[in-house]
Amino acid sequence: MTLSLLPASIIHLRGQCLYCLVRCGRINTTHPTKNSPAKRLTQRKIYAIIKLIIDENKGDNMNIAILGYGVVGCGVAQLLTQNGASYAERSTQPAMQLTHILDIRTFPGDEHEAIITNDFGVILNDPTVGIVAECMGGATFAYDCVLASLQAGKSVVTSNKELVAAKGYELMLAAKEHNVNFLFEASVGGGIPVIRPLSQCLAANHICEVAGILNGTTNFILTRMIEDGMAFEVALKQAQELGYAEADPTADVEGHDACRKLCILATLAYGKHVYPEQVHTEGITKITAQDVEYAAKFKHNIKLLGRAQQLDDGRISLVVAPMLVPRSHMIAHVKDVYNAVLIRGDAVGDLMFHGRGAGDLPTASAVVADIIDCAKHTERRRVFDWLPNDPAFVAPADEECVRLYVRTADDAFITERGKYSEHMAKLAAADIKIALRVAEFDAC
């Protein structure tokens, strides 16, 4: 068989289309019956040939495509352009080259104008593209592009927490089926390295809890409320003026962004896929300056926390909500747009990962690190495996055993520890303005 005689587009053919290779004599085997050893042998031969075709068409460069030329996509392009030669050396590739950028907009005069396209098919059908960096966001078109890329034998890296939280299990299986990589370090914490430490470096630990400040926008707002006495609305406006909050801040201030990130962390920590709808999620829109003052009197700061804890019966508890954090704990002092992730292992104890959780270059740093990792592992997968979702694995939030901060019309107090549902039943007749969990960090 002469590989140069085969069309490059054959790498995109699957199923019975690949059987044409057998019929036309490119693979010397007989027609296999369903589920027979001969069929499995044929499939192995087909995939081996596809890999040879891909390798022959790639040439000397590891070519890279970026999907989305927004804040993160621009950062990725900047790093690849500035440091591509050093990245190639680290990855053992002869060269790493950015060859395509997908965006529906045009960018006249941009340094990458010549490689910007609005047609995803150009990227998908280019056999020289080995790695796709998805930086678009959303879980619909992005999902279609990522799935098609994996099925075409291209590794994919992404910063898209919505995509990983909603479709990560399906995409992980697709990457496994096609022997390529699907990496997503940038989906949680921006440039903070937390995905690999949690899934690999801490593999010898039983993870008792993962908790943290997972959204920089809300942390900035709460910091201004704590330090400057601002009302929520004033602090939100300042965050928008500084570019820390979107014009529509709903995903941030209602806790949805933090929820998606908690799903990813919980999935890796406990080995089963968790979906956002399984997480009890509250935002910070009801927090007032009065709550901040009361918290200070109790020697606490209010933070929007995501917490995943394993219960004694093996289930997990998942909550995203504003909580009172004791000032004696390091998370209480994480300020402004910074993120912090606390991982509690039975062997290592408490580890905290702290840094900028968003922005063009911090997030691009994690995306490019995944690109380099993919380039290093063209012959094998970086293993990220977990089980499918199990609805019974997540305990109802009202079963959580907590203390509550309660503010009424003219007072505030902290309850004794007890089930959340029992607390709320006792307080039903009272004129409650707000009830927040008090974060307690017990030893494993």
Protein backbone atom coordinates (compact mmCIF):
# COMPACT_ATOMS: atom_id res chain seq x y z
CA MET A 1 0.00 0.00 0.00
CA THR A 2 1.29 3.46 -0.91
CA LEU A 3 -0.01 6.05 1.53
CA SER A 4 0.61 8.94 -0.83
CA LEU A 5 -2.00 7.47 -3.19
CA LEU A 6 -4.71 7.74 -0.54
CA PRO A 7 -6.64 11.04 -0.28
CA ALA A 8 -6.03 13.04 2.88
CA SER A 9 -9.79 13.38 3.35
CA ILE A 10 -9.96 9.65 4.11
CA ILE A 11 -8.98 10.43 7.71
CA HIS A 12 -12.47 11.79 8.21
CA LEU A 13 -14.22 8.67 6.98
CA ARG A 14 -15.68 6.35 9.59
CA GLY A 15 -17.79 3.21 9.81
CA GLN A 16 -18.89 1.64 6.52
CA CYS A 17 -17.09 4.34 4.53
CA LEU A 18 -13.81 2.99 5.81
CA TYR A 19 -14.90 -0.45 4.64
CA CYS A 20 -14.42 0.90 1.12
CA LEU A 21 -10.69 0.64 1.80
CA VAL A 22 -11.14 -3.08 2.14
CA ARG A 23 -13.34 -3.38 -0.95
CA CYS A 24 -10.92 -1.47 -3.14
CA GLY A 25 -8.00 -3.62 -2.03
CA ARG A 26 -6.17 -1.06 0.13
CA ILE A 27 -6.52 -3.42 3.11
CA ASN A 28 -5.97 -7.10 2.45
CA THR A 29 -8.66 -8.78 4.53
CA THR A 30 -12.02 -10.43 4.07
CA HIS A 31 -15.40 -8.96 4.90
CA PRO A 32 -15.86 -9.53 8.66
CA THR A 33 -19.06 -10.68 10.22
CA LYS A 34 -20.62 -8.59 12.99
CA ASN A 35 -18.61 -8.64 16.25
CA SER A 36 -16.22 -11.28 14.90
CA PRO A 37 -12.46 -11.32 15.63
CA ALA A 38 -11.93 -10.57 11.93
CA LYS A 39 -13.99 -7.39 12.24
CA ARG A 40 -11.98 -6.21 15.22
CA LEU A 41 -8.76 -6.98 13.31
CA THR A 42 -10.04 -5.01 10.34
CA GLN A 43 -10.84 -2.05 12.58
CA ARG A 44 -7.35 -2.13 14.04
CA LYS A 45 -5.86 -2.18 10.55
CA ILE A 46 -8.05 0.69 9.47
CA TYR A 47 -7.11 2.87 12.42
CA ALA A 48 -3.43 2.01 11.95
CA ILE A 49 -3.66 3.15 8.34
CA ILE A 50 -5.49 6.33 9.33
CA LYS A 51 -2.73 7.13 11.81
CA LEU A 52 -0.08 6.62 9.12
CA ILE A 53 -2.02 8.90 6.78
CA ILE A 54 -2.29 11.59 9.44
CA ASP A 55 1.40 11.36 10.27
CA GLU A 56 2.38 11.55 6.60
CA ASN A 57 0.21 14.61 5.99
CA LYS A 58 1.34 16.50 9.08
CA GLY A 59 4.91 16.97 7.93
CA ASP A 60 7.37 18.55 10.31
CA ASN A 61 5.09 21.02 12.13
CA MET A 62 2.60 20.50 14.92
CA ASN A 63 -0.13 22.75 13.51
CA ILE A 64 -2.64 24.37 15.84
CA ALA A 65 -6.06 25.92 15.33
CA ILE A 66 -7.85 28.27 17.73
CA LEU A 67 -11.64 28.36 17.88
CA GLY A 68 -12.73 31.80 19.06
CA TYR A 69 -10.69 35.01 18.88
CA GLY A 70 -12.00 36.70 22.00
CA VAL A 71 -10.11 37.51 25.20
CA VAL A 72 -8.73 34.01 25.77
CA GLY A 73 -8.25 33.15 22.10
CA CYS A 74 -6.24 36.34 21.57
CA GLY A 75 -4.09 35.47 24.58
CA VAL A 76 -3.42 31.98 23.23
CA ALA A 77 -2.47 33.38 19.82
CA GLN A 78 -0.15 35.91 21.47
CA LEU A 79 1.68 33.26 23.47
CA LEU A 80 2.00 30.86 20.53
CA THR A 81 3.35 33.65 18.32
CA GLN A 82 5.81 34.97 20.90
CA ASN A 83 7.05 31.70 22.33
CA GLY A 84 6.27 29.04 19.73
CA ALA A 85 9.90 28.04 19.25
CA SER A 86 10.49 27.39 22.94
CA TYR A 87 7.17 25.52 23.19
CA ALA A 88 8.29 23.24 20.35
CA GLU A 89 11.53 22.49 22.18
CA ARG A 90 9.64 21.58 25.35
CA SER A 91 7.23 19.36 23.43
CA THR A 92 9.99 17.65 21.35
CA GLN A 93 8.16 18.70 18.16
CA PRO A 94 10.23 20.13 15.28
CA ALA A 95 7.94 23.17 15.24
CA MET A 96 4.60 24.36 16.61
CA GLN A 97 2.70 26.66 14.30
CA LEU A 98 -0.62 28.50 14.60
CA THR A 99 -2.27 27.96 11.21
CA HIS A 100 -6.00 28.72 11.70
CA ILE A 101 -8.22 30.94 13.85
CA LEU A 102 -12.00 30.53 13.71
CA ASP A 103 -14.27 33.50 14.36
CA ILE A 104 -17.43 34.89 12.78
CA ARG A 105 -15.96 38.40 12.93
CA THR A 106 -13.33 39.94 10.70
CA PHE A 107 -10.20 41.62 12.05
CA PRO A 108 -8.79 43.99 9.42
CA GLY A 109 -5.17 44.81 10.12
CA ASP A 110 -4.77 42.14 12.79
CA GLU A 111 -1.41 40.37 12.70
CA HIS A 112 -3.25 37.06 12.24
CA GLU A 113 -5.76 38.33 9.67
CA ALA A 114 -4.46 35.96 6.98
CA ILE A 115 -5.27 32.83 8.97
CA ILE A 116 -8.68 33.88 10.34
CA THR A 117 -11.65 32.00 8.88
CA ASN A 118 -15.36 31.80 9.60
CA ASP A 119 -15.60 28.25 8.23
CA PHE A 120 -14.96 25.48 10.74
CA GLY A 121 -14.82 22.99 7.89
CA VAL A 122 -11.51 24.48 6.79
CA ILE A 123 -10.00 23.44 10.12
CA LEU A 124 -11.77 20.10 10.36
CA ASN A 125 -10.73 19.04 6.87
CA ASP A 126 -7.10 20.09 7.22
CA PRO A 127 -5.14 16.93 8.09
CA THR A 128 -2.11 18.97 9.14
CA VAL A 129 -3.98 20.41 12.15
CA GLY A 130 -3.15 18.18 15.09
CA ILE A 131 -4.40 20.27 18.03
CA VAL A 132 -7.53 22.42 18.36
CA ALA A 133 -7.82 25.02 21.15
CA GLU A 134 -11.49 25.74 21.85
CA CYS A 135 -11.89 29.22 23.38
CA MET A 136 -15.41 30.15 22.24
CA GLY A 137 -17.56 29.35 25.26
CA GLY A 138 -21.05 27.91 25.28
CA ALA A 139 -22.05 24.27 25.05
CA THR A 140 -23.82 23.98 21.68
CA PHE A 141 -21.69 25.02 18.69
CA ALA A 142 -18.56 24.50 20.77
CA TYR A 143 -19.66 20.94 21.53
CA ASP A 144 -20.25 20.19 17.85
CA CYS A 145 -16.82 21.53 16.91
CA VAL A 146 -14.98 19.74 19.70
CA LEU A 147 -16.70 16.41 19.08
CA ALA A 148 -16.03 16.60 15.33
CA SER A 149 -12.37 17.47 15.98
CA LEU A 150 -11.90 14.50 18.29
CA GLN A 151 -13.59 12.18 15.81
CA ALA A 152 -11.25 13.48 13.11
CA GLY A 153 -8.23 12.47 15.16
CA LYS A 154 -7.33 15.91 16.49
CA SER A 155 -6.55 16.52 20.16
CA VAL A 156 -8.56 19.29 21.79
CA VAL A 157 -7.84 21.64 24.68
CA THR A 158 -10.46 23.98 26.10
CA SER A 159 -11.01 26.76 28.63
CA ASN A 160 -14.78 26.27 28.43
CA LYS A 161 -16.17 25.29 31.84
CA GLU A 162 -19.76 25.22 30.58
CA LEU A 163 -18.81 22.69 27.93
CA VAL A 164 -16.80 20.46 30.28
CA ALA A 165 -19.46 20.55 33.00
CA ALA A 166 -22.30 19.73 30.60
CA LYS A 167 -20.62 17.50 28.00
CA GLY A 168 -17.28 16.48 29.49
CA TYR A 169 -18.15 12.80 29.89
CA GLU A 170 -19.21 12.37 26.25
CA LEU A 171 -16.13 14.22 25.02
CA MET A 172 -13.82 12.21 27.25
CA LEU A 173 -15.25 9.00 25.75
CA ALA A 174 -14.81 10.36 22.20
CA ALA A 175 -11.17 11.21 22.90
CA LYS A 176 -10.63 7.74 24.32
CA GLU A 177 -12.28 6.07 21.33
CA HIS A 178 -10.10 7.95 18.84
CA ASN A 179 -6.89 7.79 20.89
CA VAL A 180 -6.47 11.56 21.16
CA ASN A 181 -6.40 13.98 24.09
CA PHE A 182 -9.13 16.14 25.58
CA LEU A 183 -7.57 18.48 28.15
CA PHE A 184 -9.22 21.29 30.12
CA GLU A 185 -6.84 22.71 32.74
CA ALA A 186 -7.98 26.27 31.91
CA SER A 187 -11.65 25.50 32.62
CA VAL A 188 -11.19 25.99 36.38
CA GLY A 189 -9.16 28.74 37.98
CA GLY A 190 -7.77 30.32 34.80
CA GLY A 191 -4.00 30.11 35.12
CA ILE A 192 -4.07 28.33 38.50
CA PRO A 193 -2.89 24.73 38.07
CA VAL A 194 -5.50 22.63 39.84
CA ILE A 195 -6.90 20.02 37.41
CA ARG A 196 -3.68 17.99 37.12
CA PRO A 197 -2.76 18.19 40.82
CA LEU A 198 -6.24 17.01 41.76
CA SER A 199 -6.46 14.17 39.25
CA GLN A 200 -2.83 13.02 39.19
CA CYS A 201 -0.53 14.39 41.89
CA LEU A 202 -3.06 13.67 44.64
CA ALA A 203 -4.15 10.28 43.31
CA ALA A 204 -2.86 8.55 46.48
CA ASN A 205 -5.25 10.57 48.64
CA HIS A 206 -8.84 10.15 49.59
CA ILE A 207 -10.22 13.62 48.89
CA CYS A 208 -12.33 14.66 51.85
CA GLU A 209 -13.31 18.02 50.40
CA VAL A 210 -12.75 20.47 47.55
CA ALA A 211 -13.78 24.03 48.31
CA GLY A 212 -12.94 27.47 47.17
CA ILE A 213 -13.54 30.87 45.65
CA LEU A 214 -14.17 29.94 42.04
CA ASN A 215 -15.36 33.23 40.57
CA GLY A 216 -13.28 36.40 40.49
CA THR A 217 -16.15 38.78 39.72
CA THR A 218 -18.14 37.95 42.83
CA ASN A 219 -15.01 37.95 44.96
CA PHE A 220 -14.19 41.46 43.74
CA ILE A 221 -17.72 42.64 44.57
CA LEU A 222 -17.65 41.12 48.06
CA THR A 223 -14.16 42.53 48.69
CA ARG A 224 -15.42 46.04 47.91
CA MET A 225 -18.42 45.50 50.18
CA ILE A 226 -16.14 44.31 53.00
CA GLU A 227 -13.32 46.82 52.67
CA ASP A 228 -15.12 49.91 51.35
CA GLY A 229 -18.62 49.46 52.75
CA MET A 230 -20.16 49.53 49.28
CA ALA A 231 -23.66 48.33 48.54
CA PHE A 232 -23.91 45.36 46.19
CA GLU A 233 -25.22 47.46 43.29
CA VAL A 234 -22.38 50.01 43.61
CA ALA A 235 -19.71 47.31 43.79
CA LEU A 236 -21.21 45.53 40.76
CA LYS A 237 -21.16 48.74 38.74
CA GLN A 238 -17.48 49.28 39.60
CA ALA A 239 -16.69 45.70 38.55
CA GLN A 240 -18.37 46.33 35.20
CA GLU A 241 -16.51 49.61 34.69
CA LEU A 242 -13.20 47.83 35.34
CA GLY A 243 -14.05 44.99 32.96
CA TYR A 244 -14.36 42.37 35.70
CA ALA A 245 -18.09 41.85 35.14
CA GLU A 246 -20.09 41.40 31.95
CA ALA A 247 -22.89 43.75 30.91
CA ASP A 248 -25.18 40.85 31.90
CA PRO A 249 -23.54 39.57 35.10
CA THR A 250 -26.12 36.86 35.81
CA ALA A 251 -23.82 33.87 35.33
CA ASP A 252 -21.38 35.33 37.85
CA VAL A 253 -23.57 36.93 40.54
CA GLU A 254 -26.13 34.09 40.59
CA GLY A 255 -23.43 31.47 41.08
CA HIS A 256 -23.76 29.62 37.74
CA ASP A 257 -20.12 30.12 36.74
CA ALA A 258 -18.85 28.82 40.08
CA CYS A 259 -21.31 25.92 39.86
CA ARG A 260 -19.87 24.72 36.55
CA LYS A 261 -16.35 24.83 37.92
CA LEU A 262 -17.39 22.94 41.05
CA CYS A 263 -18.90 20.23 38.84
CA ILE A 264 -15.55 19.71 37.12
CA LEU A 265 -13.62 19.58 40.39
CA ALA A 266 -16.12 17.20 42.00
CA THR A 267 -16.09 14.94 38.94
CA LEU A 268 -12.32 14.56 39.11
CA ALA A 269 -12.18 14.31 42.92
CA TYR A 270 -14.87 11.63 43.26
CA GLY A 271 -14.79 9.84 39.91
CA LYS A 272 -18.36 10.28 38.64
CA HIS A 273 -19.66 12.96 36.32
CA VAL A 274 -21.63 15.68 38.06
CA TYR A 275 -24.02 18.00 36.22
CA PRO A 276 -24.81 21.63 37.19
CA GLU A 277 -28.46 20.87 37.92
CA GLN A 278 -27.33 18.56 40.75
CA VAL A 279 -25.61 21.42 42.61
CA HIS A 280 -27.51 23.57 45.10
CA THR A 281 -26.65 27.05 43.80
CA GLU A 282 -27.23 30.49 45.31
CA GLY A 283 -25.85 33.86 44.27
CA ILE A 284 -24.78 36.99 46.14
CA THR A 285 -27.51 39.43 45.04
CA LYS A 286 -29.27 39.33 48.44
CA ILE A 287 -26.14 40.17 50.45
CA THR A 288 -26.31 43.62 52.03
CA ALA A 289 -23.83 45.90 53.74
CA GLN A 290 -25.63 45.00 56.95
CA ASP A 291 -24.77 41.32 56.47
CA VAL A 292 -21.13 42.25 55.94
CA GLU A 293 -21.16 44.24 59.20
CA TYR A 294 -22.78 41.43 61.18
CA ALA A 295 -20.28 38.93 59.75
CA ALA A 296 -17.42 41.16 60.89
CA LYS A 297 -18.85 41.21 64.41
CA PHE A 298 -18.82 37.42 64.36
CA LYS A 299 -15.19 37.57 63.05
CA HIS A 300 -16.13 36.20 59.67
CA ASN A 301 -15.98 37.41 56.04
CA ILE A 302 -18.64 36.60 53.46
CA LYS A 303 -17.36 34.69 50.42
CA LEU A 304 -19.09 32.91 47.56
CA LEU A 305 -17.82 29.36 48.01
CA GLY A 306 -18.19 26.19 46.02
CA ARG A 307 -17.91 23.11 48.24
CA ALA A 308 -17.83 19.40 47.43
CA GLN A 309 -17.63 17.09 50.44
CA GLN A 310 -17.86 13.32 50.75
CA LEU A 311 -20.33 12.18 53.39
CA ASP A 312 -20.00 9.20 55.71
CA ASP A 313 -22.43 7.15 53.59
CA GLY A 314 -20.27 7.62 50.46
CA ARG A 315 -22.45 10.21 48.77
CA ILE A 316 -21.24 13.73 48.11
CA SER A 317 -22.66 17.11 49.07
CA LEU A 318 -22.42 19.90 46.48
CA VAL A 319 -23.18 23.53 47.30
CA VAL A 320 -22.39 26.90 45.76
CA ALA A 321 -23.53 29.72 48.03
CA PRO A 322 -22.38 32.81 49.92
CA MET A 323 -21.00 31.62 53.26
CA LEU A 324 -19.51 33.12 56.38
CA VAL A 325 -15.84 32.13 56.47
CA PRO A 326 -13.95 32.49 59.78
CA ARG A 327 -11.20 35.07 59.56
CA SER A 328 -8.83 32.52 61.04
CA HIS A 329 -8.97 30.61 57.74
CA MET A 330 -6.83 31.60 54.75
CA ILE A 331 -9.75 31.59 52.29
CA ALA A 332 -11.31 34.51 54.20
CA HIS A 333 -8.41 36.70 53.09
CA VAL A 334 -8.48 36.00 49.34
CA LYS A 335 -9.32 39.38 47.80
CA ASP A 336 -10.47 41.08 44.62
CA VAL A 337 -10.46 38.99 41.42
CA TYR A 338 -8.27 36.25 42.83
CA ASN A 339 -9.45 32.66 43.06
CA ALA A 340 -8.48 30.02 45.61
CA VAL A 341 -9.08 26.28 45.62
CA LEU A 342 -8.70 24.27 48.83
CA ILE A 343 -8.16 20.52 48.44
CA ARG A 344 -8.21 18.38 51.56
CA GLY A 345 -6.59 14.96 51.31
CA ASP A 346 -6.29 12.32 54.01
CA ALA A 347 -2.53 12.01 53.37
CA VAL A 348 -1.39 15.53 52.45
CA GLY A 349 -3.82 17.50 54.61
CA ASP A 350 -4.88 20.92 53.33
CA LEU A 351 -3.49 22.35 50.08
CA MET A 352 -4.57 25.72 48.69
CA PHE A 353 -4.05 26.89 45.11
CA HIS A 354 -4.26 30.66 44.78
CA GLY A 355 -3.93 33.09 41.88
CA ARG A 356 -5.67 35.03 39.14
CA GLY A 357 -8.65 33.02 38.00
CA ALA A 358 -9.41 34.88 34.77
CA GLY A 359 -7.95 37.22 32.17
CA ASP A 360 -6.38 36.79 28.78
CA LEU A 361 -2.84 35.69 29.60
CA PRO A 362 -3.46 33.80 32.88
CA THR A 363 -6.10 31.63 31.18
CA ALA A 364 -4.11 31.42 27.95
CA SER A 365 -1.18 30.17 30.01
CA ALA A 366 -3.18 27.11 31.04
CA VAL A 367 -4.54 26.58 27.51
CA VAL A 368 -1.06 26.65 25.99
CA ALA A 369 0.28 24.33 28.70
CA ASP A 370 -2.36 21.81 27.59
CA ILE A 371 -1.35 22.34 23.96
CA ILE A 372 2.27 21.54 24.86
CA ASP A 373 1.11 18.47 26.76
CA CYS A 374 -0.84 17.26 23.73
CA ALA A 375 2.19 17.85 21.50
CA LYS A 376 4.31 15.76 23.87
CA HIS A 377 1.84 12.89 23.86
CA THR A 378 0.95 12.35 20.21
CA GLU A 379 1.46 8.61 20.60
CA ARG A 380 -0.64 8.12 23.72
CA ARG A 381 -3.47 9.67 25.71
CA ARG A 382 -3.15 11.75 28.85
CA VAL A 383 -5.51 9.76 31.03
CA PHE A 384 -8.54 11.60 32.38
CA ASP A 385 -11.20 8.96 32.99
CA TRP A 386 -14.28 8.96 35.16
CA LEU A 387 -17.62 7.18 35.42
CA PRO A 388 -20.97 8.39 34.08
CA ASN A 389 -23.41 10.35 36.20
CA ASP A 390 -25.23 8.63 39.06
CA PRO A 391 -28.16 10.73 40.33
CA ALA A 392 -28.12 8.95 43.70
CA PHE A 393 -24.47 9.89 44.25
CA VAL A 394 -25.31 13.50 45.16
CA ALA A 395 -27.09 14.06 48.47
CA PRO A 396 -29.92 16.63 48.68
CA ALA A 397 -28.59 19.95 49.95
CA ASP A 398 -31.16 20.15 52.76
CA GLU A 399 -29.56 17.09 54.39
CA GLU A 400 -26.32 18.99 54.91
CA CYS A 401 -25.33 19.44 58.57
CA VAL A 402 -24.43 23.10 59.08
CA ARG A 403 -24.53 26.17 61.25
CA LEU A 404 -26.46 29.10 59.81
CA TYR A 405 -26.05 32.85 60.01
CA VAL A 406 -29.57 34.26 60.27
CA ARG A 407 -30.60 37.91 59.96
CA THR A 408 -34.05 38.98 61.01
CA ALA A 409 -35.64 42.43 60.87
CA ASP A 410 -33.75 43.69 63.90
CA ASP A 411 -31.09 41.15 64.85
CA ALA A 412 -28.65 38.51 63.60
CA PHE A 413 -27.34 35.30 65.14
CA ILE A 414 -25.54 32.05 64.33
CA THR A 415 -27.32 28.77 65.04
CA GLU A 416 -25.96 25.57 66.50
CA ARG A 417 -24.92 22.83 64.10
CA GLY A 418 -27.80 20.83 62.62
CA LYS A 419 -29.49 19.69 59.42
CA TYR A 420 -30.22 22.53 57.03
CA SER A 421 -33.82 21.38 56.57
CA GLU A 422 -34.41 21.25 60.34
CA HIS A 423 -32.99 24.75 60.78
CA MET A 424 -35.28 26.15 58.13
CA ALA A 425 -38.32 24.38 59.58
CA LYS A 426 -37.66 25.94 63.00
CA LEU A 427 -37.14 29.37 61.47
CA ALA A 428 -40.19 29.22 59.21
CA ALA A 429 -42.32 31.36 61.52
CA ALA A 430 -39.64 33.98 62.08
CA ASP A 431 -39.26 37.13 59.99
CA ILE A 432 -36.07 35.98 58.28
CA LYS A 433 -34.37 38.34 55.86
CA ILE A 434 -31.52 36.01 54.94
CA ALA A 435 -29.96 32.72 56.07
CA LEU A 436 -26.39 31.85 55.04
CA ARG A 437 -24.26 28.81 55.76
CA VAL A 438 -21.26 29.15 58.06
CA ALA A 439 -18.23 27.46 56.53
CA GLU A 440 -16.48 25.06 58.90
CA PHE A 441 -13.36 23.21 57.83
CA ASP A 442 -13.12 20.10 59.96
CA ALA A 443 -10.09 17.83 59.66
CA CYS A 444 -10.38 14.75 57.42
